[in-house]
Amino acid sequence: MPQLDTSSWFITALSTAITLFIMMQLKISLHNFPQTPSIKSVKLTKSNNPRELKWTKIYSPLSLPQQ
């Protein structure tokens, strides 16, 4: 059975890593980031929930009287 020639694997992996690094650097450097981010005001809106008008209580099964 012939031996697998692995002499070129190092240079292939190294050139692939360098190429990916350069491509990512170019992609990031071409992205336009905002210079001065603006502050957005957040308004809280009150929703009309019918449960808020009533008093509600949750009964756990252990606190109910025994039957």
N, C-alpha and C. Protein backbone atom coordinates (compact mmCIF):
# COMPACT_ATOMS: atom_id res chain seq x y z
N MET A 1 0.84 -1.18 0.00
CA MET A 1 0.00 0.00 0.00
C MET A 1 0.90 1.25 0.00
N PRO A 2 0.69 2.18 -0.94
CA PRO A 2 1.58 3.34 -1.02
C PRO A 2 1.34 4.32 0.14
N GLN A 3 2.41 5.00 0.50
CA GLN A 3 2.35 5.99 1.58
C GLN A 3 1.71 7.28 1.07
N LEU A 4 0.95 7.96 1.94
CA LEU A 4 0.32 9.22 1.58
C LEU A 4 1.35 10.33 1.74
N ASP A 5 1.52 11.14 0.69
CA ASP A 5 2.50 12.22 0.72
C ASP A 5 1.90 13.42 1.45
N THR A 6 2.41 13.70 2.64
CA THR A 6 1.89 14.80 3.46
C THR A 6 2.84 15.99 3.48
N SER A 7 3.78 16.05 2.56
CA SER A 7 4.77 17.12 2.60
C SER A 7 4.15 18.48 2.26
N SER A 8 3.08 18.52 1.50
CA SER A 8 2.50 19.81 1.11
C SER A 8 1.35 20.24 2.01
N TRP A 9 0.99 19.44 3.02
CA TRP A 9 -0.15 19.77 3.87
C TRP A 9 0.10 21.02 4.71
N PHE A 10 1.32 21.20 5.21
CA PHE A 10 1.61 22.36 6.05
C PHE A 10 1.45 23.66 5.28
N ILE A 11 2.01 23.72 4.09
CA ILE A 11 1.92 24.96 3.30
C ILE A 11 0.48 25.21 2.85
N THR A 12 -0.28 24.15 2.60
CA THR A 12 -1.68 24.30 2.21
C THR A 12 -2.51 24.86 3.37
N ALA A 13 -2.32 24.31 4.55
CA ALA A 13 -3.06 24.79 5.72
C ALA A 13 -2.64 26.21 6.07
N LEU A 14 -1.37 26.52 5.99
CA LEU A 14 -0.89 27.86 6.31
C LEU A 14 -1.41 28.89 5.32
N SER A 15 -1.38 28.58 4.04
CA SER A 15 -1.88 29.53 3.05
C SER A 15 -3.39 29.71 3.16
N THR A 16 -4.11 28.65 3.53
CA THR A 16 -5.55 28.77 3.73
C THR A 16 -5.86 29.68 4.91
N ALA A 17 -5.13 29.51 6.01
CA ALA A 17 -5.35 30.34 7.20
C ALA A 17 -5.03 31.79 6.91
N ILE A 18 -3.95 32.05 6.21
CA ILE A 18 -3.57 33.43 5.87
C ILE A 18 -4.61 34.06 4.95
N THR A 19 -5.08 33.29 3.98
CA THR A 19 -6.09 33.82 3.05
C THR A 19 -7.39 34.15 3.78
N LEU A 20 -7.84 33.27 4.68
CA LEU A 20 -9.05 33.55 5.45
C LEU A 20 -8.87 34.77 6.34
N PHE A 21 -7.69 34.92 6.95
CA PHE A 21 -7.43 36.07 7.80
C PHE A 21 -7.49 37.36 6.98
N ILE A 22 -6.87 37.37 5.81
CA ILE A 22 -6.88 38.57 4.96
C ILE A 22 -8.29 38.90 4.49
N MET A 23 -9.04 37.87 4.10
CA MET A 23 -10.41 38.11 3.62
C MET A 23 -11.28 38.68 4.74
N MET A 24 -11.15 38.17 5.96
CA MET A 24 -11.93 38.70 7.08
C MET A 24 -11.52 40.12 7.41
N GLN A 25 -10.23 40.43 7.35
CA GLN A 25 -9.77 41.79 7.61
C GLN A 25 -10.33 42.76 6.58
N LEU A 26 -10.35 42.35 5.32
CA LEU A 26 -10.91 43.21 4.28
C LEU A 26 -12.41 43.41 4.48
N LYS A 27 -13.09 42.35 4.86
CA LYS A 27 -14.55 42.45 5.07
C LYS A 27 -14.86 43.39 6.22
N ILE A 28 -14.09 43.30 7.30
CA ILE A 28 -14.32 44.16 8.46
C ILE A 28 -13.93 45.60 8.14
N SER A 29 -12.85 45.79 7.41
CA SER A 29 -12.39 47.16 7.14
C SER A 29 -13.31 47.89 6.18
N LEU A 30 -14.07 47.19 5.35
CA LEU A 30 -14.98 47.84 4.41
C LEU A 30 -16.34 48.13 5.04
N HIS A 31 -16.57 47.67 6.27
CA HIS A 31 -17.85 47.90 6.93
C HIS A 31 -17.87 49.32 7.49
N ASN A 32 -18.97 50.05 7.26
CA ASN A 32 -19.10 51.41 7.76
C ASN A 32 -19.77 51.40 9.12
N PHE A 33 -19.03 51.81 10.14
CA PHE A 33 -19.56 51.91 11.49
C PHE A 33 -20.03 53.34 11.72
N PRO A 34 -21.10 53.55 12.49
CA PRO A 34 -21.55 54.92 12.78
C PRO A 34 -20.51 55.65 13.63
N GLN A 35 -20.25 56.91 13.30
CA GLN A 35 -19.24 57.68 14.02
C GLN A 35 -19.73 58.08 15.41
N THR A 36 -20.91 58.66 15.49
CA THR A 36 -21.45 59.06 16.79
C THR A 36 -22.82 58.41 16.95
N PRO A 37 -22.91 57.40 17.76
CA PRO A 37 -24.20 56.75 17.95
C PRO A 37 -25.16 57.70 18.66
N SER A 38 -26.39 57.74 18.19
CA SER A 38 -27.39 58.63 18.78
C SER A 38 -28.14 57.90 19.88
N ILE A 39 -28.59 58.66 20.87
CA ILE A 39 -29.34 58.09 21.98
C ILE A 39 -30.81 58.08 21.61
N LYS A 40 -31.42 56.91 21.72
CA LYS A 40 -32.83 56.79 21.40
C LYS A 40 -33.63 56.83 22.70
N SER A 41 -34.68 57.62 22.70
CA SER A 41 -35.52 57.67 23.89
C SER A 41 -36.54 56.54 23.83
N VAL A 42 -36.71 55.90 24.96
CA VAL A 42 -37.62 54.77 25.04
C VAL A 42 -38.82 55.20 25.87
N LYS A 43 -40.01 55.15 25.28
CA LYS A 43 -41.22 55.50 25.99
C LYS A 43 -41.92 54.23 26.44
N LEU A 44 -42.24 54.19 27.72
CA LEU A 44 -42.95 53.03 28.24
C LEU A 44 -44.44 53.28 28.07
N THR A 45 -45.10 52.34 27.45
CA THR A 45 -46.54 52.48 27.25
C THR A 45 -47.26 51.57 28.22
N LYS A 46 -48.31 52.09 28.80
CA LYS A 46 -49.11 51.31 29.75
C LYS A 46 -50.17 50.54 28.97
N SER A 47 -50.14 49.24 29.10
CA SER A 47 -51.13 48.43 28.39
C SER A 47 -52.36 48.25 29.27
N ASN A 48 -53.50 48.15 28.64
CA ASN A 48 -54.74 47.94 29.37
C ASN A 48 -54.93 46.45 29.61
N ASN A 49 -54.64 46.06 30.82
CA ASN A 49 -54.76 44.67 31.20
C ASN A 49 -55.89 44.55 32.21
N PRO A 50 -56.94 43.78 31.93
CA PRO A 50 -58.07 43.69 32.86
C PRO A 50 -57.69 43.07 34.20
N ARG A 51 -56.62 42.29 34.26
CA ARG A 51 -56.23 41.68 35.52
C ARG A 51 -55.63 42.69 36.49
N GLU A 52 -55.13 43.80 35.97
CA GLU A 52 -54.54 44.79 36.87
C GLU A 52 -55.60 45.52 37.68
N LEU A 53 -56.84 45.54 37.23
CA LEU A 53 -57.90 46.23 37.95
C LEU A 53 -58.43 45.40 39.11
N LYS A 54 -58.25 44.10 39.04
CA LYS A 54 -58.77 43.21 40.07
C LYS A 54 -57.63 42.68 40.93
N TRP A 55 -57.99 42.33 42.17
CA TRP A 55 -57.02 41.66 43.01
C TRP A 55 -57.13 40.17 42.74
N THR A 56 -56.00 39.56 42.42
CA THR A 56 -56.02 38.13 42.13
C THR A 56 -55.06 37.42 43.08
N LYS A 57 -55.41 36.23 43.44
CA LYS A 57 -54.57 35.43 44.31
C LYS A 57 -54.46 34.03 43.71
N ILE A 58 -53.25 33.51 43.76
CA ILE A 58 -53.01 32.16 43.26
C ILE A 58 -52.95 31.23 44.46
N TYR A 59 -53.80 30.23 44.46
CA TYR A 59 -53.83 29.28 45.55
C TYR A 59 -52.99 28.06 45.19
N SER A 60 -52.07 27.72 46.06
CA SER A 60 -51.32 26.49 45.81
C SER A 60 -52.15 25.33 46.35
N PRO A 61 -52.01 24.15 45.79
CA PRO A 61 -52.82 23.01 46.23
C PRO A 61 -52.61 22.65 47.70
N LEU A 62 -51.43 22.93 48.25
CA LEU A 62 -51.17 22.57 49.63
C LEU A 62 -51.86 23.51 50.61
N SER A 63 -52.19 24.74 50.19
CA SER A 63 -52.81 25.70 51.11
C SER A 63 -54.34 25.61 51.09
N LEU A 64 -54.90 24.82 50.20
CA LEU A 64 -56.36 24.67 50.15
C LEU A 64 -56.83 23.79 51.30
N PRO A 65 -58.01 24.02 51.79
CA PRO A 65 -58.50 23.16 52.91
C PRO A 65 -58.73 21.73 52.44
N GLN A 66 -58.53 20.83 53.36
CA GLN A 66 -58.72 19.41 53.05
C GLN A 66 -60.20 19.11 52.92
N GLN A 67 -60.55 18.24 52.00
CA GLN A 67 -61.96 17.90 51.79
C GLN A 67 -62.28 16.55 52.37
